[in-house]
């Protein structure tokens, strides 16, 4: 049983996009031209897609990013916190610290999800007194972050709803009143069967 569990975890780390696809999505709130998701649903989704790893130097270094913590403060950017750990040459991960980033938001119609847009690392708290985010670890983090923002959603809509929006154009996506919100160029509510609506 332990070996099967280890295999599953290894596969999940190696194929983060597959893990993302397996996460169940809650129904969003739909009103007029906008579709929105609350912070709790996004946090639950993120919890199912981590930890994630990034290899460098042919596997000699490995950065593990875990325990995502989402907050949606006033303004148009979201905040995400992560735990970082580093492993060298296949050794056990050593905690590095906690990193805080902020990001704008985009919605990808083709991939039916919300993605980070131009994320920035804003703060770092070392795991040990006197620790720091050295240049090597920062470089690995920035590479992982750019790859994550490009490839993986922080929340993916239910395909039953998202498929109905395929022909619509996105006007904007942002954080509004503690929710992730995407505005379309047409009335979404009129396209979605009443049984799929939530939060009205």
C-alpha atoms as a PDB file:
ATOM      1  CA  UNK A   1       0.000   0.000   0.000  1.00  0.00           C
ATOM      2  CA  UNK A   2       2.814   2.418   0.853  1.00  0.00           C
ATOM      3  CA  UNK A   3       4.561   1.740  -2.454  1.00  0.00           C
ATOM      4  CA  UNK A   4       1.354   2.411  -4.377  1.00  0.00           C
ATOM      5  CA  UNK A   5       0.848   5.648  -2.457  1.00  0.00           C
ATOM      6  CA  UNK A   6       4.438   6.687  -3.149  1.00  0.00           C
ATOM      7  CA  UNK A   7       3.947   5.999  -6.847  1.00  0.00           C
ATOM      8  CA  UNK A   8       0.791   8.103  -6.887  1.00  0.00           C
ATOM      9  CA  UNK A   9       2.490  11.023  -5.156  1.00  0.00           C
ATOM     10  CA  UNK A  10       5.464  10.848  -7.476  1.00  0.00           C
ATOM     11  CA  UNK A  11       3.175  10.838 -10.510  1.00  0.00           C
ATOM     12  CA  UNK A  12       1.259  13.808  -9.158  1.00  0.00           C
ATOM     13  CA  UNK A  13       4.470  15.795  -8.718  1.00  0.00           C
ATOM     14  CA  UNK A  14       5.762  14.843 -12.143  1.00  0.00           C
ATOM     15  CA  UNK A  15       2.516  15.669 -13.914  1.00  0.00           C
ATOM     16  CA  UNK A  16       1.006  18.717 -12.181  1.00  0.00           C
ATOM     17  CA  UNK A  17      -1.323  19.425 -15.093  1.00  0.00           C
ATOM     18  CA  UNK A  18      -2.898  15.988 -14.714  1.00  0.00           C
ATOM     19  CA  UNK A  19      -3.367  16.637 -11.017  1.00  0.00           C
ATOM     20  CA  UNK A  20      -5.023  19.944 -11.837  1.00  0.00           C
ATOM     21  CA  UNK A  21      -7.470  18.287 -14.185  1.00  0.00           C
ATOM     22  CA  UNK A  22      -8.483  15.814 -11.493  1.00  0.00           C
ATOM     23  CA  UNK A  23      -9.559  18.484  -8.997  1.00  0.00           C
ATOM     24  CA  UNK A  24     -13.300  18.888  -8.697  1.00  0.00           C
ATOM     25  CA  UNK A  25     -14.641  22.362  -9.418  1.00  0.00           C
ATOM     26  CA  UNK A  26     -17.505  24.002  -7.583  1.00  0.00           C
ATOM     27  CA  UNK A  27     -20.149  25.880  -9.544  1.00  0.00           C
ATOM     28  CA  UNK A  28     -19.346  29.587  -9.925  1.00  0.00           C
ATOM     29  CA  UNK A  29     -21.777  32.443  -9.381  1.00  0.00           C
ATOM     30  CA  UNK A  30     -23.147  33.776 -12.660  1.00  0.00           C
ATOM     31  CA  UNK A  31     -24.909  37.099 -13.010  1.00  0.00           C
ATOM     32  CA  UNK A  32     -25.387  38.985 -16.234  1.00  0.00           C
ATOM     33  CA  UNK A  33     -22.106  39.167 -18.103  1.00  0.00           C
ATOM     34  CA  UNK A  34     -19.928  38.105 -15.212  1.00  0.00           C
ATOM     35  CA  UNK A  35     -18.804  34.825 -13.693  1.00  0.00           C
ATOM     36  CA  UNK A  36     -17.229  34.828 -10.237  1.00  0.00           C
ATOM     37  CA  UNK A  37     -15.694  32.389  -7.769  1.00  0.00           C
ATOM     38  CA  UNK A  38     -15.255  32.940  -4.039  1.00  0.00           C
ATOM     39  CA  UNK A  39     -11.955  32.607  -2.197  1.00  0.00           C
ATOM     40  CA  UNK A  40     -12.959  29.419  -0.406  1.00  0.00           C
ATOM     41  CA  UNK A  41     -13.536  27.524  -3.647  1.00  0.00           C
ATOM     42  CA  UNK A  42     -10.238  28.758  -5.081  1.00  0.00           C
ATOM     43  CA  UNK A  43      -8.383  27.742  -1.916  1.00  0.00           C
ATOM     44  CA  UNK A  44      -9.907  24.267  -2.061  1.00  0.00           C
ATOM     45  CA  UNK A  45      -8.900  23.916  -5.702  1.00  0.00           C
ATOM     46  CA  UNK A  46      -5.325  25.047  -4.994  1.00  0.00           C
ATOM     47  CA  UNK A  47      -5.067  22.582  -2.126  1.00  0.00           C
ATOM     48  CA  UNK A  48      -5.578  19.741  -4.568  1.00  0.00           C
ATOM     49  CA  UNK A  49      -2.827  20.848  -6.969  1.00  0.00           C
ATOM     50  CA  UNK A  50       0.126  21.108  -4.558  1.00  0.00           C
ATOM     51  CA  UNK A  51       2.859  20.284  -3.640  1.00  0.00           C
ATOM     52  CA  UNK A  52       4.747  20.951  -6.869  1.00  0.00           C
ATOM     53  CA  UNK A  53       8.418  20.613  -7.691  1.00  0.00           C
ATOM     54  CA  UNK A  54      10.869  22.209 -10.076  1.00  0.00           C
ATOM     55  CA  UNK A  55      14.104  20.499 -11.077  1.00  0.00           C
ATOM     56  CA  UNK A  56      17.277  22.275 -12.154  1.00  0.00           C
ATOM     57  CA  UNK A  57      20.794  21.280 -13.205  1.00  0.00           C
ATOM     58  CA  UNK A  58      19.671  17.884 -14.390  1.00  0.00           C
ATOM     59  CA  UNK A  59      17.995  17.051 -11.104  1.00  0.00           C
ATOM     60  CA  UNK A  60      20.860  18.147  -8.857  1.00  0.00           C
ATOM     61  CA  UNK A  61      18.565  20.764  -7.317  1.00  0.00           C
ATOM     62  CA  UNK A  62      14.870  20.460  -6.597  1.00  0.00           C
ATOM     63  CA  UNK A  63      12.556  23.191  -5.342  1.00  0.00           C
ATOM     64  CA  UNK A  64       9.327  22.080  -3.653  1.00  0.00           C
ATOM     65  CA  UNK A  65       6.440  24.536  -3.372  1.00  0.00           C
ATOM     66  CA  UNK A  66       3.635  23.565  -0.998  1.00  0.00           C
ATOM     67  CA  UNK A  67       0.757  24.730   1.241  1.00  0.00           C
ATOM     68  CA  UNK A  68      -0.749  27.492  -0.933  1.00  0.00           C
ATOM     69  CA  UNK A  69      -2.561  30.157   1.072  1.00  0.00           C
ATOM     70  CA  UNK A  70      -4.841  32.502  -0.866  1.00  0.00           C
ATOM     71  CA  UNK A  71      -6.150  35.901   0.216  1.00  0.00           C
ATOM     72  CA  UNK A  72      -8.167  38.353  -1.853  1.00  0.00           C
ATOM     73  CA  UNK A  73      -7.550  41.823  -0.379  1.00  0.00           C
ATOM     74  CA  UNK A  74      -9.152  45.058  -1.602  1.00  0.00           C
ATOM     75  CA  UNK A  75      -7.749  46.036  -4.974  1.00  0.00           C
ATOM     76  CA  UNK A  76      -7.257  44.184  -8.224  1.00  0.00           C
ATOM     77  CA  UNK A  77      -4.462  41.773  -7.223  1.00  0.00           C
ATOM     78  CA  UNK A  78      -4.627  38.545  -5.286  1.00  0.00           C
ATOM     79  CA  UNK A  79      -2.109  37.358  -2.685  1.00  0.00           C
ATOM     80  CA  UNK A  80      -0.644  33.874  -2.479  1.00  0.00           C
ATOM     81  CA  UNK A  81       1.656  32.422   0.168  1.00  0.00           C
ATOM     82  CA  UNK A  82       3.713  29.232  -0.206  1.00  0.00           C
ATOM     83  CA  UNK A  83       6.149  27.127   1.788  1.00  0.00           C
ATOM     84  CA  UNK A  84       9.464  26.531   0.030  1.00  0.00           C
ATOM     85  CA  UNK A  85      11.857  23.625   0.496  1.00  0.00           C
ATOM     86  CA  UNK A  86      15.077  22.748  -1.329  1.00  0.00           C
ATOM     87  CA  UNK A  87      16.684  19.358  -1.955  1.00  0.00           C
ATOM     88  CA  UNK A  88      20.150  18.681  -3.338  1.00  0.00           C
ATOM     89  CA  UNK A  89      21.175  15.589  -5.326  1.00  0.00           C
ATOM     90  CA  UNK A  90      18.092  13.573  -4.379  1.00  0.00           C
ATOM     91  CA  UNK A  91      18.306  14.323  -0.659  1.00  0.00           C
ATOM     92  CA  UNK A  92      15.417  15.106   1.652  1.00  0.00           C
ATOM     93  CA  UNK A  93      13.879  18.578   1.197  1.00  0.00           C
ATOM     94  CA  UNK A  94      15.103  21.201   3.657  1.00  0.00           C
ATOM     95  CA  UNK A  95      12.652  24.009   4.563  1.00  0.00           C
ATOM     96  CA  UNK A  96      13.740  27.339   3.116  1.00  0.00           C
ATOM     97  CA  UNK A  97      10.919  29.586   4.300  1.00  0.00           C
ATOM     98  CA  UNK A  98       7.615  31.137   3.344  1.00  0.00           C
ATOM     99  CA  UNK A  99       7.220  33.307   0.282  1.00  0.00           C
ATOM    100  CA  UNK A 100       4.430  35.797  -0.385  1.00  0.00           C
ATOM    101  CA  UNK A 101       3.516  36.926  -3.868  1.00  0.00           C
ATOM    102  CA  UNK A 102       0.871  39.088  -5.467  1.00  0.00           C
ATOM    103  CA  UNK A 103      -0.571  38.819  -8.928  1.00  0.00           C
ATOM    104  CA  UNK A 104      -3.063  40.221 -11.374  1.00  0.00           C
ATOM    105  CA  UNK A 105      -5.514  37.812 -12.955  1.00  0.00           C
ATOM    106  CA  UNK A 106      -6.388  36.571 -16.434  1.00  0.00           C
ATOM    107  CA  UNK A 107      -9.036  34.187 -17.697  1.00  0.00           C
ATOM    108  CA  UNK A 108      -8.206  31.790 -20.519  1.00  0.00           C
ATOM    109  CA  UNK A 109     -11.361  30.852 -22.440  1.00  0.00           C
ATOM    110  CA  UNK A 110      -9.747  27.973 -24.315  1.00  0.00           C
ATOM    111  CA  UNK A 111      -8.423  26.383 -21.119  1.00  0.00           C
ATOM    112  CA  UNK A 112     -11.463  27.350 -19.030  1.00  0.00           C
ATOM    113  CA  UNK A 113      -9.608  28.696 -16.014  1.00  0.00           C
ATOM    114  CA  UNK A 114      -8.207  31.635 -14.058  1.00  0.00           C
ATOM    115  CA  UNK A 115      -4.439  32.148 -14.240  1.00  0.00           C
ATOM    116  CA  UNK A 116      -1.885  34.349 -12.543  1.00  0.00           C
ATOM    117  CA  UNK A 117      -0.842  37.377 -14.596  1.00  0.00           C
ATOM    118  CA  UNK A 118       2.519  39.071 -13.954  1.00  0.00           C
ATOM    119  CA  UNK A 119       3.042  37.624 -10.452  1.00  0.00           C
ATOM    120  CA  UNK A 120       5.710  39.197  -8.254  1.00  0.00           C
ATOM    121  CA  UNK A 121       7.472  37.933  -5.115  1.00  0.00           C
ATOM    122  CA  UNK A 122       6.754  40.519  -2.417  1.00  0.00           C
ATOM    123  CA  UNK A 123       8.033  39.027   0.838  1.00  0.00           C
ATOM    124  CA  UNK A 124      10.081  36.166   2.256  1.00  0.00           C
ATOM    125  CA  UNK A 125      10.231  34.768   5.784  1.00  0.00           C
ATOM    126  CA  UNK A 126      13.162  32.375   6.336  1.00  0.00           C
ATOM    127  CA  UNK A 127      12.603  29.040   8.024  1.00  0.00           C
ATOM    128  CA  UNK A 128      15.568  29.682  10.315  1.00  0.00           C
ATOM    129  CA  UNK A 129      16.797  32.860  11.945  1.00  0.00           C
ATOM    130  CA  UNK A 130      19.297  34.579   9.739  1.00  0.00           C
ATOM    131  CA  UNK A 131      18.195  32.679   6.653  1.00  0.00           C
ATOM    132  CA  UNK A 132      17.665  34.381   3.330  1.00  0.00           C
ATOM    133  CA  UNK A 133      16.331  33.775  -0.139  1.00  0.00           C
ATOM    134  CA  UNK A 134      19.652  33.346  -1.931  1.00  0.00           C
ATOM    135  CA  UNK A 135      20.123  34.026  -5.642  1.00  0.00           C
ATOM    136  CA  UNK A 136      20.027  30.342  -6.596  1.00  0.00           C
ATOM    137  CA  UNK A 137      16.753  29.671  -4.794  1.00  0.00           C
ATOM    138  CA  UNK A 138      15.230  32.928  -6.054  1.00  0.00           C
ATOM    139  CA  UNK A 139      16.123  32.009  -9.628  1.00  0.00           C
ATOM    140  CA  UNK A 140      14.504  28.582  -9.248  1.00  0.00           C
ATOM    141  CA  UNK A 141      11.432  30.169  -7.689  1.00  0.00           C
ATOM    142  CA  UNK A 142      11.098  32.718 -10.498  1.00  0.00           C
ATOM    143  CA  UNK A 143      11.423  30.019 -13.169  1.00  0.00           C
ATOM    144  CA  UNK A 144       8.796  27.859 -11.447  1.00  0.00           C
ATOM    145  CA  UNK A 145       6.494  30.867 -10.955  1.00  0.00           C
ATOM    146  CA  UNK A 146       6.687  31.917 -14.602  1.00  0.00           C
ATOM    147  CA  UNK A 147       6.005  28.355 -15.721  1.00  0.00           C
ATOM    148  CA  UNK A 148       3.124  27.976 -13.263  1.00  0.00           C
ATOM    149  CA  UNK A 149       1.504  31.251 -14.343  1.00  0.00           C
ATOM    150  CA  UNK A 150       1.772  30.275 -17.994  1.00  0.00           C
ATOM    151  CA  UNK A 151       0.547  26.674 -17.751  1.00  0.00           C
ATOM    152  CA  UNK A 152      -1.620  26.069 -14.716  1.00  0.00           C
ATOM    153  CA  UNK A 153      -4.852  27.630 -13.469  1.00  0.00           C
ATOM    154  CA  UNK A 154      -5.397  28.682  -9.907  1.00  0.00           C
ATOM    155  CA  UNK A 155      -9.015  27.728 -10.510  1.00  0.00           C
ATOM    156  CA  UNK A 156     -10.662  25.807 -13.348  1.00  0.00           C
ATOM    157  CA  UNK A 157     -14.365  26.164 -14.082  1.00  0.00           C
ATOM    158  CA  UNK A 158     -16.728  23.234 -14.291  1.00  0.00           C
ATOM    159  CA  UNK A 159     -16.552  22.058 -17.931  1.00  0.00           C
ATOM    160  CA  UNK A 160     -20.362  21.902 -18.118  1.00  0.00           C
ATOM    161  CA  UNK A 161     -20.483  25.662 -17.578  1.00  0.00           C
ATOM    162  CA  UNK A 162     -17.217  26.682 -19.231  1.00  0.00           C
ATOM    163  CA  UNK A 163     -18.103  24.959 -22.507  1.00  0.00           C
ATOM    164  CA  UNK A 164     -21.087  27.285 -22.885  1.00  0.00           C
ATOM    165  CA  UNK A 165     -18.748  30.295 -22.864  1.00  0.00           C
ATOM    166  CA  UNK A 166     -16.431  29.119 -25.608  1.00  0.00           C
ATOM    167  CA  UNK A 167     -17.730  31.611 -28.185  1.00  0.00           C
ATOM    168  CA  UNK A 168     -17.713  34.593 -25.815  1.00  0.00           C
ATOM    169  CA  UNK A 169     -14.969  37.195 -25.621  1.00  0.00           C
ATOM    170  CA  UNK A 170     -13.342  38.072 -22.303  1.00  0.00           C
ATOM    171  CA  UNK A 171     -13.467  41.789 -21.517  1.00  0.00           C
ATOM    172  CA  UNK A 172     -11.585  41.655 -18.212  1.00  0.00           C
ATOM    173  CA  UNK A 173     -10.625  39.457 -15.268  1.00  0.00           C
ATOM    174  CA  UNK A 174      -9.819  40.760 -11.819  1.00  0.00           C
ATOM    175  CA  UNK A 175     -10.267  40.454  -8.072  1.00  0.00           C
ATOM    176  CA  UNK A 176     -13.490  42.207  -7.049  1.00  0.00           C
ATOM    177  CA  UNK A 177     -15.077  42.246  -3.592  1.00  0.00           C
ATOM    178  CA  UNK A 178     -13.208  39.171  -2.427  1.00  0.00           C
ATOM    179  CA  UNK A 179     -13.954  37.080  -5.517  1.00  0.00           C
ATOM    180  CA  UNK A 180     -12.263  36.155  -8.786  1.00  0.00           C
ATOM    181  CA  UNK A 181     -14.393  37.720 -11.514  1.00  0.00           C
ATOM    182  CA  UNK A 182     -14.351  37.479 -15.306  1.00  0.00           C
ATOM    183  CA  UNK A 183     -16.472  39.814 -17.452  1.00  0.00           C
ATOM    184  CA  UNK A 184     -17.627  38.652 -20.882  1.00  0.00           C
ATOM    185  CA  UNK A 185     -18.937  40.633 -23.842  1.00  0.00           C
ATOM    186  CA  UNK A 186     -22.361  38.966 -23.692  1.00  0.00           C
ATOM    187  CA  UNK A 187     -24.876  37.872 -21.102  1.00  0.00           C
ATOM    188  CA  UNK A 188     -23.619  34.586 -19.678  1.00  0.00           C
ATOM    189  CA  UNK A 189     -26.610  34.016 -17.453  1.00  0.00           C
ATOM    190  CA  UNK A 190     -28.918  33.574 -20.431  1.00  0.00           C
ATOM    191  CA  UNK A 191     -26.710  30.773 -21.812  1.00  0.00           C
ATOM    192  CA  UNK A 192     -26.547  28.641 -18.687  1.00  0.00           C
ATOM    193  CA  UNK A 193     -29.374  26.272 -17.648  1.00  0.00           C
ATOM    194  CA  UNK A 194     -30.994  27.338 -14.391  1.00  0.00           C
ATOM    195  CA  UNK A 195     -29.915  24.129 -12.660  1.00  0.00           C
ATOM    196  CA  UNK A 196     -26.250  25.100 -13.020  1.00  0.00           C
ATOM    197  CA  UNK A 197     -26.575  28.601 -11.554  1.00  0.00           C
ATOM    198  CA  UNK A 198     -25.335  29.420  -8.048  1.00  0.00           C
ATOM    199  CA  UNK A 199     -25.066  32.467  -5.854  1.00  0.00           C
ATOM    200  CA  UNK A 200     -28.001  34.388  -7.332  1.00  0.00           C
END
